[in-house]
Amino acid sequence: MTNPAEPSAPQPAAPDAAAAGGGRSANQGRRVAARNRAALIAAAREVFAEQGLNAPLSAVARRAGVGQGSLYRHFADRVSLASAVLDENVRHIERAAAGPDADLPRVLGVVTWHLTRSTAFVDLLRVRGDGAEAQALSGRVRTVLARCQPAGTRLTADDLMLAVAMVSGAVAGPTLAERERIALRAWQLLGARVGPVRPWEAADDA
């Protein structure tokens, strides 16, 4: 059964401007390129979650509805595509924390949404990344969690990052519903209150 909070599958991206022939303005070309890039990132998140980070990039291009040439124009290799997915995951968490009603449970709900859907994000939050970029992304998540801590809490930002890593290590299961159930059970065992598991757009509209 489809999770109502889960966004629909990415729509096929519009054809590249070059493939569409003449008469297309530069602005239209940029809009098409931006749509293609967004579709590729959304497709990569889904394909990597289903098949792992070694999934064929051709599968990502097909899911996004673009050609492989378009994929390689936006992303030179698998690492750059996975990095783009990670950066978008982190930006979503930052946006969820920027709302006027943001609090730790609400942000943890968005974090958990990504944990159940992004293999790359799980690996990042298990503090496995050795590169400067991975450390920077992990540091941005830490900053968000620190900012959302309620007054008087005994937990440090490092404690929260450890808790997130522990939950990410527990996430497993063949379906989204099962992964969400396990993640929420893990948070419960850690004594943390978590808001609804949903993407930042839905959290922002609540």
N, C-alpha and C. Protein backbone atom coordinates (compact mmCIF):
# COMPACT_ATOMS: atom_id res chain seq x y z
N MET A 1 0.83 -1.18 0.00
CA MET A 1 0.00 0.00 0.00
C MET A 1 0.87 1.24 0.00
N THR A 2 0.52 2.26 -0.73
CA THR A 2 1.35 3.44 -0.87
C THR A 2 1.26 4.30 0.38
N ASN A 3 2.41 4.74 0.85
CA ASN A 3 2.46 5.65 1.98
C ASN A 3 1.97 7.02 1.52
N PRO A 4 0.92 7.58 2.16
CA PRO A 4 0.40 8.85 1.68
C PRO A 4 1.41 9.97 1.75
N ALA A 5 2.44 9.82 2.64
CA ALA A 5 3.44 10.87 2.73
C ALA A 5 4.50 10.75 1.67
N GLU A 6 4.54 9.61 1.02
CA GLU A 6 5.59 9.37 0.05
C GLU A 6 5.24 10.07 -1.26
N PRO A 7 6.16 10.88 -1.79
CA PRO A 7 5.84 11.57 -3.04
C PRO A 7 5.70 10.59 -4.18
N SER A 8 4.95 10.98 -5.17
CA SER A 8 4.75 10.11 -6.31
C SER A 8 6.04 9.94 -7.07
N ALA A 9 6.11 8.88 -7.87
CA ALA A 9 7.31 8.61 -8.65
C ALA A 9 7.61 9.80 -9.55
N PRO A 10 8.91 10.08 -9.77
CA PRO A 10 9.24 11.24 -10.60
C PRO A 10 8.64 11.13 -11.99
N GLN A 11 8.09 12.25 -12.46
CA GLN A 11 7.52 12.26 -13.79
C GLN A 11 8.63 12.29 -14.82
N PRO A 12 8.42 11.68 -15.97
CA PRO A 12 9.46 11.73 -17.02
C PRO A 12 9.85 13.16 -17.30
N ALA A 13 11.14 13.41 -17.38
CA ALA A 13 11.62 14.76 -17.61
C ALA A 13 11.39 15.15 -19.05
N ALA A 14 11.34 16.46 -19.26
CA ALA A 14 11.17 16.97 -20.62
C ALA A 14 12.42 16.70 -21.42
N PRO A 15 12.31 16.58 -22.74
CA PRO A 15 13.49 16.34 -23.56
C PRO A 15 14.49 17.46 -23.43
N ASP A 16 15.76 17.14 -23.64
CA ASP A 16 16.79 18.16 -23.58
C ASP A 16 16.51 19.23 -24.63
N ALA A 17 16.97 20.45 -24.35
CA ALA A 17 16.74 21.56 -25.26
C ALA A 17 17.37 21.30 -26.61
N ALA A 18 18.57 20.71 -26.60
CA ALA A 18 19.25 20.46 -27.88
C ALA A 18 18.47 19.48 -28.72
N ALA A 19 17.87 18.49 -28.06
CA ALA A 19 17.13 17.48 -28.80
C ALA A 19 15.82 18.02 -29.33
N ALA A 20 15.33 19.10 -28.75
CA ALA A 20 14.03 19.63 -29.13
C ALA A 20 14.11 20.47 -30.41
N GLY A 21 15.30 20.76 -30.86
CA GLY A 21 15.42 21.54 -32.09
C GLY A 21 15.55 23.02 -31.80
N GLY A 22 15.59 23.82 -32.87
CA GLY A 22 15.78 25.25 -32.71
C GLY A 22 14.54 25.94 -32.19
N GLY A 23 14.70 27.23 -31.92
CA GLY A 23 13.57 28.02 -31.49
C GLY A 23 13.36 28.03 -29.99
N ARG A 24 14.11 27.25 -29.24
CA ARG A 24 13.93 27.23 -27.80
C ARG A 24 14.85 28.28 -27.18
N SER A 25 14.32 29.14 -26.35
CA SER A 25 15.13 30.20 -25.77
C SER A 25 16.10 29.63 -24.75
N ALA A 26 17.12 30.45 -24.40
CA ALA A 26 18.10 30.02 -23.40
C ALA A 26 17.41 29.77 -22.07
N ASN A 27 16.43 30.62 -21.70
CA ASN A 27 15.72 30.43 -20.44
C ASN A 27 14.98 29.10 -20.42
N GLN A 28 14.33 28.77 -21.54
CA GLN A 28 13.63 27.49 -21.62
C GLN A 28 14.61 26.34 -21.49
N GLY A 29 15.77 26.47 -22.13
CA GLY A 29 16.77 25.43 -22.03
C GLY A 29 17.24 25.22 -20.61
N ARG A 30 17.42 26.31 -19.88
CA ARG A 30 17.84 26.20 -18.48
C ARG A 30 16.77 25.53 -17.64
N ARG A 31 15.50 25.88 -17.94
CA ARG A 31 14.41 25.26 -17.17
C ARG A 31 14.36 23.75 -17.43
N VAL A 32 14.51 23.37 -18.69
CA VAL A 32 14.51 21.94 -19.02
C VAL A 32 15.67 21.23 -18.34
N ALA A 33 16.86 21.86 -18.36
CA ALA A 33 18.03 21.26 -17.72
C ALA A 33 17.80 21.10 -16.22
N ALA A 34 17.19 22.11 -15.59
CA ALA A 34 16.92 22.02 -14.15
C ALA A 34 15.93 20.91 -13.85
N ARG A 35 14.89 20.77 -14.71
CA ARG A 35 13.91 19.69 -14.50
C ARG A 35 14.57 18.33 -14.67
N ASN A 36 15.42 18.21 -15.68
CA ASN A 36 16.11 16.93 -15.90
C ASN A 36 16.99 16.58 -14.70
N ARG A 37 17.70 17.56 -14.19
CA ARG A 37 18.58 17.30 -13.05
C ARG A 37 17.78 16.86 -11.83
N ALA A 38 16.66 17.56 -11.57
CA ALA A 38 15.82 17.20 -10.43
C ALA A 38 15.25 15.80 -10.60
N ALA A 39 14.83 15.47 -11.83
CA ALA A 39 14.29 14.13 -12.09
C ALA A 39 15.35 13.06 -11.89
N LEU A 40 16.58 13.34 -12.28
CA LEU A 40 17.67 12.37 -12.11
C LEU A 40 17.97 12.14 -10.64
N ILE A 41 17.97 13.20 -9.84
CA ILE A 41 18.25 13.05 -8.41
C ILE A 41 17.14 12.24 -7.74
N ALA A 42 15.88 12.56 -8.08
CA ALA A 42 14.76 11.82 -7.49
C ALA A 42 14.81 10.35 -7.90
N ALA A 43 15.12 10.11 -9.16
CA ALA A 43 15.20 8.73 -9.65
C ALA A 43 16.36 7.99 -8.99
N ALA A 44 17.50 8.67 -8.83
CA ALA A 44 18.66 8.03 -8.21
C ALA A 44 18.36 7.64 -6.77
N ARG A 45 17.65 8.49 -6.04
CA ARG A 45 17.30 8.14 -4.66
C ARG A 45 16.50 6.84 -4.63
N GLU A 46 15.54 6.72 -5.53
CA GLU A 46 14.70 5.52 -5.56
C GLU A 46 15.48 4.28 -6.00
N VAL A 47 16.25 4.42 -7.08
CA VAL A 47 16.98 3.27 -7.62
C VAL A 47 18.06 2.81 -6.64
N PHE A 48 18.78 3.74 -6.03
CA PHE A 48 19.81 3.36 -5.06
C PHE A 48 19.18 2.67 -3.85
N ALA A 49 17.99 3.15 -3.43
CA ALA A 49 17.32 2.51 -2.29
C ALA A 49 16.91 1.08 -2.64
N GLU A 50 16.48 0.87 -3.88
CA GLU A 50 16.01 -0.45 -4.30
C GLU A 50 17.15 -1.41 -4.60
N GLN A 51 18.20 -0.91 -5.26
CA GLN A 51 19.24 -1.79 -5.81
C GLN A 51 20.63 -1.56 -5.23
N GLY A 52 20.77 -0.54 -4.36
CA GLY A 52 22.08 -0.24 -3.81
C GLY A 52 22.84 0.77 -4.67
N LEU A 53 23.95 1.26 -4.12
CA LEU A 53 24.70 2.31 -4.80
C LEU A 53 25.40 1.83 -6.06
N ASN A 54 25.49 0.52 -6.26
CA ASN A 54 26.10 -0.01 -7.48
C ASN A 54 25.08 -0.29 -8.58
N ALA A 55 23.87 0.20 -8.40
CA ALA A 55 22.84 0.01 -9.44
C ALA A 55 23.30 0.63 -10.76
N PRO A 56 22.90 0.06 -11.89
CA PRO A 56 23.29 0.63 -13.19
C PRO A 56 22.77 2.06 -13.35
N LEU A 57 23.63 2.94 -13.80
CA LEU A 57 23.19 4.32 -14.01
C LEU A 57 22.16 4.40 -15.13
N SER A 58 22.16 3.40 -16.02
CA SER A 58 21.13 3.37 -17.07
C SER A 58 19.75 3.23 -16.45
N ALA A 59 19.66 2.53 -15.31
CA ALA A 59 18.37 2.37 -14.63
C ALA A 59 17.91 3.71 -14.07
N VAL A 60 18.85 4.52 -13.60
CA VAL A 60 18.50 5.85 -13.10
C VAL A 60 17.97 6.72 -14.24
N ALA A 61 18.67 6.69 -15.37
CA ALA A 61 18.24 7.49 -16.52
C ALA A 61 16.85 7.08 -16.98
N ARG A 62 16.60 5.75 -17.07
CA ARG A 62 15.27 5.29 -17.48
C ARG A 62 14.20 5.74 -16.50
N ARG A 63 14.48 5.62 -15.19
CA ARG A 63 13.49 6.03 -14.20
C ARG A 63 13.18 7.53 -14.30
N ALA A 64 14.21 8.31 -14.63
CA ALA A 64 14.03 9.76 -14.74
C ALA A 64 13.38 10.17 -16.06
N GLY A 65 13.39 9.25 -17.04
CA GLY A 65 12.80 9.57 -18.33
C GLY A 65 13.71 10.40 -19.22
N VAL A 66 15.03 10.26 -19.02
CA VAL A 66 15.99 10.99 -19.86
C VAL A 66 16.99 9.99 -20.44
N GLY A 67 17.76 10.43 -21.41
CA GLY A 67 18.79 9.58 -21.97
C GLY A 67 20.04 9.58 -21.11
N GLN A 68 20.90 8.58 -21.32
CA GLN A 68 22.14 8.51 -20.55
C GLN A 68 23.06 9.69 -20.85
N GLY A 69 22.97 10.23 -22.06
CA GLY A 69 23.77 11.40 -22.37
C GLY A 69 23.42 12.56 -21.47
N SER A 70 22.12 12.74 -21.21
CA SER A 70 21.68 13.80 -20.32
C SER A 70 22.20 13.56 -18.91
N LEU A 71 22.16 12.29 -18.46
CA LEU A 71 22.67 11.98 -17.12
C LEU A 71 24.13 12.40 -17.00
N TYR A 72 24.94 12.04 -17.99
CA TYR A 72 26.38 12.35 -17.89
C TYR A 72 26.68 13.83 -18.12
N ARG A 73 25.76 14.56 -18.74
CA ARG A 73 25.97 16.01 -18.83
C ARG A 73 25.81 16.66 -17.47
N HIS A 74 24.94 16.09 -16.64
CA HIS A 74 24.72 16.65 -15.31
C HIS A 74 25.67 16.06 -14.26
N PHE A 75 25.99 14.78 -14.38
CA PHE A 75 26.79 14.09 -13.37
C PHE A 75 27.88 13.29 -14.05
N ALA A 76 29.13 13.62 -13.73
CA ALA A 76 30.25 12.99 -14.43
C ALA A 76 30.37 11.50 -14.13
N ASP A 77 29.94 11.10 -12.92
CA ASP A 77 30.10 9.70 -12.54
C ASP A 77 29.14 9.37 -11.40
N ARG A 78 29.21 8.15 -10.93
CA ARG A 78 28.32 7.66 -9.87
C ARG A 78 28.51 8.45 -8.57
N VAL A 79 29.76 8.79 -8.27
CA VAL A 79 30.05 9.52 -7.03
C VAL A 79 29.38 10.89 -7.04
N SER A 80 29.46 11.59 -8.16
CA SER A 80 28.86 12.93 -8.21
C SER A 80 27.34 12.84 -8.13
N LEU A 81 26.74 11.79 -8.68
CA LEU A 81 25.29 11.63 -8.59
C LEU A 81 24.88 11.31 -7.15
N ALA A 82 25.60 10.38 -6.50
CA ALA A 82 25.30 10.05 -5.10
C ALA A 82 25.49 11.27 -4.21
N SER A 83 26.51 12.08 -4.49
CA SER A 83 26.75 13.29 -3.71
C SER A 83 25.60 14.28 -3.85
N ALA A 84 25.04 14.37 -5.06
CA ALA A 84 23.91 15.27 -5.29
C ALA A 84 22.68 14.80 -4.51
N VAL A 85 22.47 13.48 -4.46
CA VAL A 85 21.35 12.94 -3.68
C VAL A 85 21.55 13.28 -2.20
N LEU A 86 22.76 13.07 -1.70
CA LEU A 86 23.06 13.36 -0.30
C LEU A 86 22.85 14.84 0.02
N ASP A 87 23.34 15.70 -0.87
CA ASP A 87 23.20 17.14 -0.63
C ASP A 87 21.74 17.54 -0.58
N GLU A 88 20.92 16.96 -1.46
CA GLU A 88 19.49 17.29 -1.44
C GLU A 88 18.84 16.76 -0.17
N ASN A 89 19.22 15.55 0.27
CA ASN A 89 18.69 15.03 1.53
C ASN A 89 18.95 16.01 2.67
N VAL A 90 20.18 16.47 2.75
CA VAL A 90 20.56 17.37 3.85
C VAL A 90 19.84 18.70 3.72
N ARG A 91 19.71 19.22 2.48
CA ARG A 91 18.99 20.49 2.30
C ARG A 91 17.53 20.37 2.74
N HIS A 92 16.92 19.22 2.48
CA HIS A 92 15.53 19.02 2.93
C HIS A 92 15.44 19.09 4.45
N ILE A 93 16.40 18.49 5.13
CA ILE A 93 16.39 18.53 6.60
C ILE A 93 16.61 19.96 7.09
N GLU A 94 17.49 20.69 6.45
CA GLU A 94 17.72 22.08 6.82
C GLU A 94 16.46 22.92 6.62
N ARG A 95 15.74 22.67 5.54
CA ARG A 95 14.50 23.43 5.29
C ARG A 95 13.43 23.07 6.31
N ALA A 96 13.36 21.80 6.67
CA ALA A 96 12.38 21.39 7.68
C ALA A 96 12.66 22.08 9.01
N ALA A 97 13.95 22.31 9.31
CA ALA A 97 14.33 22.95 10.58
C ALA A 97 14.17 24.46 10.53
N ALA A 98 13.99 25.02 9.33
CA ALA A 98 13.93 26.48 9.19
C ALA A 98 12.52 27.02 9.38
N GLY A 99 11.51 26.15 9.43
CA GLY A 99 10.13 26.61 9.58
C GLY A 99 9.87 27.22 10.93
N PRO A 100 8.85 28.07 11.03
CA PRO A 100 8.55 28.76 12.30
C PRO A 100 8.15 27.80 13.42
N ASP A 101 7.57 26.67 13.08
CA ASP A 101 7.13 25.71 14.09
C ASP A 101 8.07 24.51 14.21
N ALA A 102 9.27 24.63 13.69
CA ALA A 102 10.19 23.49 13.69
C ALA A 102 10.60 23.14 15.11
N ASP A 103 10.64 21.86 15.39
CA ASP A 103 11.17 21.36 16.65
C ASP A 103 11.87 20.04 16.39
N LEU A 104 12.50 19.47 17.41
CA LEU A 104 13.30 18.27 17.19
C LEU A 104 12.46 17.09 16.70
N PRO A 105 11.29 16.78 17.29
CA PRO A 105 10.51 15.65 16.77
C PRO A 105 10.14 15.81 15.30
N ARG A 106 9.78 17.02 14.91
CA ARG A 106 9.41 17.28 13.51
C ARG A 106 10.59 17.02 12.58
N VAL A 107 11.78 17.51 12.98
CA VAL A 107 12.97 17.32 12.16
C VAL A 107 13.39 15.85 12.14
N LEU A 108 13.28 15.17 13.27
CA LEU A 108 13.62 13.75 13.29
C LEU A 108 12.68 12.94 12.40
N GLY A 109 11.44 13.39 12.26
CA GLY A 109 10.52 12.73 11.33
C GLY A 109 11.01 12.83 9.90
N VAL A 110 11.56 14.00 9.52
CA VAL A 110 12.09 14.18 8.16
C VAL A 110 13.39 13.37 8.01
N VAL A 111 14.25 13.39 9.04
CA VAL A 111 15.46 12.58 9.00
C VAL A 111 15.10 11.11 8.79
N THR A 112 14.10 10.63 9.51
CA THR A 112 13.71 9.23 9.41
C THR A 112 13.14 8.91 8.04
N TRP A 113 12.41 9.85 7.44
CA TRP A 113 11.91 9.65 6.07
C TRP A 113 13.07 9.36 5.13
N HIS A 114 14.14 10.13 5.25
CA HIS A 114 15.30 9.92 4.37
C HIS A 114 16.03 8.63 4.73
N LEU A 115 16.10 8.29 6.01
CA LEU A 115 16.78 7.06 6.40
C LEU A 115 16.11 5.83 5.79
N THR A 116 14.80 5.87 5.63
CA THR A 116 14.08 4.71 5.11
C THR A 116 14.08 4.66 3.59
N ARG A 117 14.61 5.69 2.95
CA ARG A 117 14.53 5.76 1.49
C ARG A 117 15.86 5.96 0.78
N SER A 118 16.93 6.24 1.48
CA SER A 118 18.18 6.58 0.83
C SER A 118 19.34 5.76 1.40
N THR A 119 19.82 4.80 0.62
CA THR A 119 20.96 4.00 1.04
C THR A 119 22.18 4.87 1.28
N ALA A 120 22.42 5.82 0.41
CA ALA A 120 23.59 6.69 0.56
C ALA A 120 23.50 7.51 1.84
N PHE A 121 22.30 7.97 2.16
CA PHE A 121 22.12 8.78 3.36
C PHE A 121 22.35 7.94 4.62
N VAL A 122 21.89 6.70 4.60
CA VAL A 122 22.14 5.79 5.72
C VAL A 122 23.64 5.64 5.95
N ASP A 123 24.39 5.42 4.87
CA ASP A 123 25.84 5.25 5.00
C ASP A 123 26.49 6.52 5.54
N LEU A 124 26.03 7.68 5.08
CA LEU A 124 26.59 8.93 5.56
C LEU A 124 26.39 9.07 7.07
N LEU A 125 25.18 8.79 7.55
CA LEU A 125 24.88 9.00 8.96
C LEU A 125 25.40 7.89 9.86
N ARG A 126 25.91 6.83 9.26
CA ARG A 126 26.64 5.85 10.07
C ARG A 126 28.08 6.30 10.28
N VAL A 127 28.36 7.53 9.87
CA VAL A 127 29.67 8.15 10.05
C VAL A 127 30.76 7.30 9.40
N ARG A 128 30.47 6.84 8.17
CA ARG A 128 31.45 6.07 7.43
C ARG A 128 32.25 6.93 6.46
N GLY A 129 31.74 8.13 6.18
CA GLY A 129 32.39 8.94 5.16
C GLY A 129 33.74 9.46 5.61
N ASP A 130 34.77 9.21 4.82
CA ASP A 130 36.11 9.68 5.15
C ASP A 130 36.45 10.97 4.42
N GLY A 131 35.74 11.27 3.36
CA GLY A 131 36.08 12.44 2.56
C GLY A 131 35.60 13.72 3.19
N ALA A 132 36.18 14.84 2.74
CA ALA A 132 35.82 16.14 3.27
C ALA A 132 34.36 16.47 2.99
N GLU A 133 33.88 16.08 1.79
CA GLU A 133 32.48 16.38 1.44
C GLU A 133 31.52 15.63 2.34
N ALA A 134 31.78 14.34 2.59
CA ALA A 134 30.91 13.56 3.47
C ALA A 134 30.91 14.14 4.88
N GLN A 135 32.07 14.55 5.35
CA GLN A 135 32.16 15.13 6.69
C GLN A 135 31.40 16.45 6.76
N ALA A 136 31.48 17.22 5.68
CA ALA A 136 30.75 18.50 5.67
C ALA A 136 29.25 18.28 5.70
N LEU A 137 28.75 17.30 4.93
CA LEU A 137 27.32 17.01 4.93
C LEU A 137 26.87 16.52 6.30
N SER A 138 27.65 15.62 6.89
CA SER A 138 27.32 15.12 8.22
C SER A 138 27.32 16.26 9.23
N GLY A 139 28.28 17.18 9.09
CA GLY A 139 28.34 18.33 9.98
C GLY A 139 27.12 19.23 9.86
N ARG A 140 26.58 19.35 8.65
CA ARG A 140 25.37 20.16 8.47
C ARG A 140 24.18 19.54 9.19
N VAL A 141 24.07 18.21 9.14
CA VAL A 141 22.99 17.53 9.88
C VAL A 141 23.17 17.76 11.37
N ARG A 142 24.39 17.65 11.85
CA ARG A 142 24.69 17.88 13.27
C ARG A 142 24.27 19.28 13.69
N THR A 143 24.57 20.28 12.85
CA THR A 143 24.21 21.67 13.15
C THR A 143 22.70 21.83 13.28
N VAL A 144 21.95 21.20 12.37
CA VAL A 144 20.49 21.27 12.43
C VAL A 144 19.97 20.66 13.72
N LEU A 145 20.46 19.48 14.06
CA LEU A 145 19.98 18.82 15.27
C LEU A 145 20.32 19.63 16.52
N ALA A 146 21.49 20.22 16.54
CA ALA A 146 21.88 21.05 17.69
C ALA A 146 20.95 22.25 17.83
N ARG A 147 20.59 22.85 16.71
CA ARG A 147 19.73 24.03 16.74
C ARG A 147 18.32 23.71 17.20
N CYS A 148 17.88 22.46 16.98
CA CYS A 148 16.51 22.08 17.31
C CYS A 148 16.37 21.46 18.70
N GLN A 149 17.46 21.35 19.43
CA GLN A 149 17.38 20.75 20.76
C GLN A 149 16.54 21.62 21.69
N PRO A 150 15.65 21.00 22.45
CA PRO A 150 14.86 21.79 23.41
C PRO A 150 15.73 22.32 24.53
N ALA A 151 15.32 23.42 25.11
CA ALA A 151 16.08 24.03 26.20
C ALA A 151 16.15 23.06 27.39
N GLY A 152 17.30 23.01 28.01
CA GLY A 152 17.46 22.19 29.20
C GLY A 152 17.76 20.73 28.95
N THR A 153 17.87 20.33 27.68
CA THR A 153 18.14 18.93 27.41
C THR A 153 19.57 18.57 27.81
N ARG A 154 19.73 17.32 28.21
CA ARG A 154 21.08 16.84 28.57
C ARG A 154 21.83 16.30 27.35
N LEU A 155 21.12 16.07 26.28
CA LEU A 155 21.73 15.50 25.09
C LEU A 155 22.55 16.55 24.35
N THR A 156 23.72 16.17 23.91
CA THR A 156 24.53 17.04 23.06
C THR A 156 24.22 16.73 21.60
N ALA A 157 24.72 17.59 20.71
CA ALA A 157 24.55 17.33 19.28
C ALA A 157 25.24 16.02 18.89
N ASP A 158 26.37 15.73 19.52
CA ASP A 158 27.05 14.47 19.24
C ASP A 158 26.21 13.27 19.68
N ASP A 159 25.51 13.41 20.82
CA ASP A 159 24.62 12.34 21.27
C ASP A 159 23.52 12.09 20.23
N LEU A 160 22.97 13.17 19.70
CA LEU A 160 21.90 13.04 18.71
C LEU A 160 22.40 12.40 17.43
N MET A 161 23.60 12.77 16.99
CA MET A 161 24.16 12.15 15.79
C MET A 161 24.41 10.67 16.01
N LEU A 162 24.85 10.30 17.24
CA LEU A 162 25.05 8.89 17.55
C LEU A 162 23.71 8.15 17.51
N ALA A 163 22.66 8.78 18.05
CA ALA A 163 21.34 8.16 18.04
C ALA A 163 20.84 7.96 16.61
N VAL A 164 21.04 8.96 15.75
CA VAL A 164 20.63 8.84 14.35
C VAL A 164 21.41 7.70 13.68
N ALA A 165 22.71 7.61 13.96
CA ALA A 165 23.51 6.55 13.38
C ALA A 165 23.02 5.18 13.85
N MET A 166 22.63 5.07 15.12
CA MET A 166 22.12 3.80 15.64
C MET A 166 20.81 3.41 14.96
N VAL A 167 19.93 4.39 14.76
CA VAL A 167 18.67 4.11 14.07
C VAL A 167 18.94 3.72 12.62
N SER A 168 19.85 4.44 11.96
CA SER A 168 20.14 4.12 10.56
C SER A 168 20.70 2.71 10.44
N GLY A 169 21.47 2.27 11.45
CA GLY A 169 21.99 0.92 11.43
C GLY A 169 20.92 -0.14 11.60
N ALA A 170 19.82 0.24 12.22
CA ALA A 170 18.73 -0.72 12.44
C ALA A 170 17.77 -0.81 11.27
N VAL A 171 17.77 0.21 10.41
CA VAL A 171 16.79 0.26 9.32
C VAL A 171 17.04 -0.89 8.34
N ALA A 172 16.05 -1.71 8.18
CA ALA A 172 16.12 -2.83 7.24
C ALA A 172 14.70 -3.28 6.93
N GLY A 173 14.57 -4.08 5.89
CA GLY A 173 13.25 -4.59 5.54
C GLY A 173 12.96 -4.42 4.07
N PRO A 174 12.11 -5.28 3.52
CA PRO A 174 11.85 -5.27 2.08
C PRO A 174 10.90 -4.17 1.62
N THR A 175 10.18 -3.56 2.55
CA THR A 175 9.20 -2.54 2.16
C THR A 175 9.42 -1.27 2.97
N LEU A 176 8.91 -0.16 2.43
CA LEU A 176 8.99 1.11 3.16
C LEU A 176 8.27 1.02 4.50
N ALA A 177 7.11 0.39 4.50
CA ALA A 177 6.33 0.28 5.73
C ALA A 177 7.13 -0.45 6.81
N GLU A 178 7.82 -1.52 6.42
CA GLU A 178 8.60 -2.28 7.38
C GLU A 178 9.80 -1.47 7.87
N ARG A 179 10.46 -0.76 6.97
CA ARG A 179 11.60 0.05 7.38
C ARG A 179 11.17 1.17 8.31
N GLU A 180 10.03 1.79 8.02
CA GLU A 180 9.52 2.84 8.91
C GLU A 180 9.17 2.27 10.28
N ARG A 181 8.55 1.10 10.29
CA ARG A 181 8.16 0.49 11.57
C ARG A 181 9.39 0.23 12.42
N ILE A 182 10.44 -0.31 11.81
CA ILE A 182 11.66 -0.61 12.56
C ILE A 182 12.33 0.67 13.04
N ALA A 183 12.39 1.68 12.17
CA ALA A 183 13.02 2.95 12.56
C ALA A 183 12.29 3.58 13.74
N LEU A 184 10.97 3.61 13.69
CA LEU A 184 10.21 4.21 14.79
C LEU A 184 10.35 3.41 16.08
N ARG A 185 10.43 2.09 15.95
CA ARG A 185 10.64 1.25 17.13
C ARG A 185 12.01 1.54 17.74
N ALA A 186 13.02 1.73 16.88
CA ALA A 186 14.36 2.05 17.38
C ALA A 186 14.36 3.39 18.12
N TRP A 187 13.69 4.39 17.55
CA TRP A 187 13.61 5.68 18.24
C TRP A 187 12.91 5.53 19.59
N GLN A 188 11.86 4.72 19.60
CA GLN A 188 11.12 4.50 20.85
C GLN A 188 12.03 3.88 21.92
N LEU A 189 12.83 2.91 21.52
CA LEU A 189 13.75 2.27 22.47
C LEU A 189 14.80 3.26 22.97
N LEU A 190 15.15 4.24 22.15
CA LEU A 190 16.11 5.25 22.58
C LEU A 190 15.45 6.37 23.39
N GLY A 191 14.14 6.31 23.53
CA GLY A 191 13.43 7.30 24.32
C GLY A 191 13.23 8.62 23.62
N ALA A 192 13.27 8.62 22.29
CA ALA A 192 13.12 9.86 21.53
C ALA A 192 11.71 9.99 20.97
N ARG A 193 11.18 11.19 20.99
CA ARG A 193 9.88 11.45 20.38
C ARG A 193 10.11 11.89 18.94
N VAL A 194 9.42 11.25 18.02
CA VAL A 194 9.59 11.52 16.59
C VAL A 194 8.25 11.92 16.00
N GLY A 195 8.26 12.99 15.23
CA GLY A 195 7.05 13.42 14.55
C GLY A 195 6.73 12.53 13.36
N PRO A 196 5.71 12.88 12.61
CA PRO A 196 5.32 12.07 11.45
C PRO A 196 6.48 11.89 10.48
N VAL A 197 6.61 10.68 9.96
CA VAL A 197 7.68 10.37 9.00
C VAL A 197 7.20 10.84 7.63
N ARG A 198 7.77 11.94 7.16
CA ARG A 198 7.33 12.52 5.89
C ARG A 198 8.40 13.45 5.36
N PRO A 199 8.33 13.76 4.06
CA PRO A 199 9.33 14.67 3.48
C PRO A 199 9.15 16.10 3.97
N TRP A 200 10.16 16.92 3.77
CA TRP A 200 10.09 18.26 4.32
C TRP A 200 8.96 19.09 3.73
N GLU A 201 8.57 18.84 2.47
CA GLU A 201 7.47 19.61 1.89
C GLU A 201 6.19 19.39 2.69
N ALA A 202 5.92 18.14 3.04
CA ALA A 202 4.71 17.84 3.81
C ALA A 202 4.81 18.42 5.22
N ALA A 203 6.00 18.33 5.82
CA ALA A 203 6.19 18.90 7.15
C ALA A 203 5.99 20.40 7.13
N ASP A 204 6.44 21.04 6.04
CA ASP A 204 6.31 22.47 5.92
C ASP A 204 4.87 22.92 5.78
N ASP A 205 4.03 22.05 5.18
CA ASP A 205 2.62 22.40 4.97
C ASP A 205 1.75 22.14 6.19
N ALA A 206 2.28 21.37 7.17
CA ALA A 206 1.45 20.97 8.31
C ALA A 206 1.14 22.15 9.20
